[in-house]
Amino acid sequence: MTESPPPVIERLEVPPSCIHLAASDKDFFPGLLESQSGEGMNARYDILFAAPLQTRVAYNADQLIDLLTVIDQQPSSKPSKLPFEHGWLVYFSYEAVNCWQPKLSLPPQQVLAAAILCAGAVVIDRVTQTAFISGQSQQVVDAIKNRIKRLNTGVLVHNTYYLKQLESAQLFHRGIETCQQYIRRGDIYQANLSRQWLYHSQDSNPSAAGLFARLKKTNPAPFAALFQYREWAIVSSSPERLFNVNNGCVSTRPIAGTHPRGHNSKADRLQIKRLISDDKEQAEHIMLVDLERNDIGRVCEPGSVQVNELMVVETYPHVHHIVSNVQGRLRTDVGLSAVIKALFPGGTITGCPKIRCMQIIAEIEQRPRGAYTGSIGYINHQGQSDFNILIRTLSLQGTMVQFNAGAGIVHDSDAHRETEETEHKAQGMIRALNG
């Protein structure tokens, strides 16, 4: 990889409002990653992407292959001062996997992927309470500073949304029954099925940044993301990391196992106890951790893959989740496109075995997932990267908004309980849309 010149980095005395900057000029500030919940490195940095140099949008397989070639890098072991200094902001729809998995034939999706090359960024470190501007040049840094100086931090636009369509519980139950028939036949062990909600706004140009501000309040999460491009946008408050590449290592953080929050502290502790002792949840989680170990092992040095966190409980505003962390040392011949192909989409939102599950999901759901269970992340100029899994995610197209919520189906799943799980997961998004 050709060494890029060192970036220009300046510290800001006062951290700016990244969401107001994103709302002020979506062409100059096309994306924002925020950490609104959690502890430690998983919830440390906010990154506002700035000063786009070029944008690549893939509508077909050839364009997606070209996009992967352009963004591909050999990750450097040289540490960066910041997690992102300049580089690519990237989005993959769920259907992007069609382009490198010949056994799949998923429903067509208009935008398969998009990548925006950004010359700079604003980075806020939540641990040290410091903020920085980074850019390829002093000119880029000055352009960002000028926009911060002119920023009006007034009230963000909050649009009104109305429910237009919701997939019925009865239809979801039939999908669960079909899935369980495949499980009994031995095709799969588990699959993640989803339901879809569709909303619309009477406002002609609803604000994606305004909706993001509401979602991060109703459903704070460590891997929240805003991606803005022309007439469409993605607003996500995801709790789940797909992968992180840093200092020659790759890690993935699967979530599998969900219980709703209790109505008080005593009930909440009881729900955690029930979750962690639930045989179904334990078996499902271990199976998916094994799947992730297999996926990550395809790009790692033999013997380097390990599970350094196993079945810890993370608590969010509406649910408790069981989470693990799998990591390994990347082979020296592996570029980022190989990591993406090995790990995308995440096994926790497809099932096991992954390819057969995706075929069955497509048969049952009968529609493209689009952003749902896709991914948004960044690739720094030195190859460090971090990508989420797009769950708890709203897709905006003009005045329309859609989102999905899913549940993992196994042989003894109760249809009513799994339907309730989708509704618990949807609560933060519904509250954000209802204002």
Foldseek 3Di string as FASTA:
>chain_A
DDDAPAKDKDWDPAAFDLLLLCQVDCVFFFKKWAALDDDDPLHWKIKTFGAWDDKQWDQDLVSVVVVCVVQKDQFDLDDDPDLFQWFKWKWAWQCLLCNVDVVDDFPHDRTGMMITGGQWIWMATRVVRIIMIIGSDVVRSVVVVVSRVVGDPDDDDAFAKDWDDWDDLVLLLVLLVVVLVCVVVPLFFKFKAKIKTKMFTPDQQDGLSLLLVLLCVLWAESTWMWGDDPQKIKGFRDNFWLWWDHSQKIKGKDWFWKDWADPDPVRRVVRVVCGLPPPVRLVQQVVLVVVVQVLRVVFADPPFKDWPAFQDWDDIPTMIITMTMIMGGGDSVDIPSSNCSSRPQHCNNQHPPRPSSSNSNSVSVVHGQTRQSIWIKTQHPSGTIIIGGGARMWMGGRRMIMHMFIHMHGNPDDSVVRVVNSVSSCVSSVSSNND
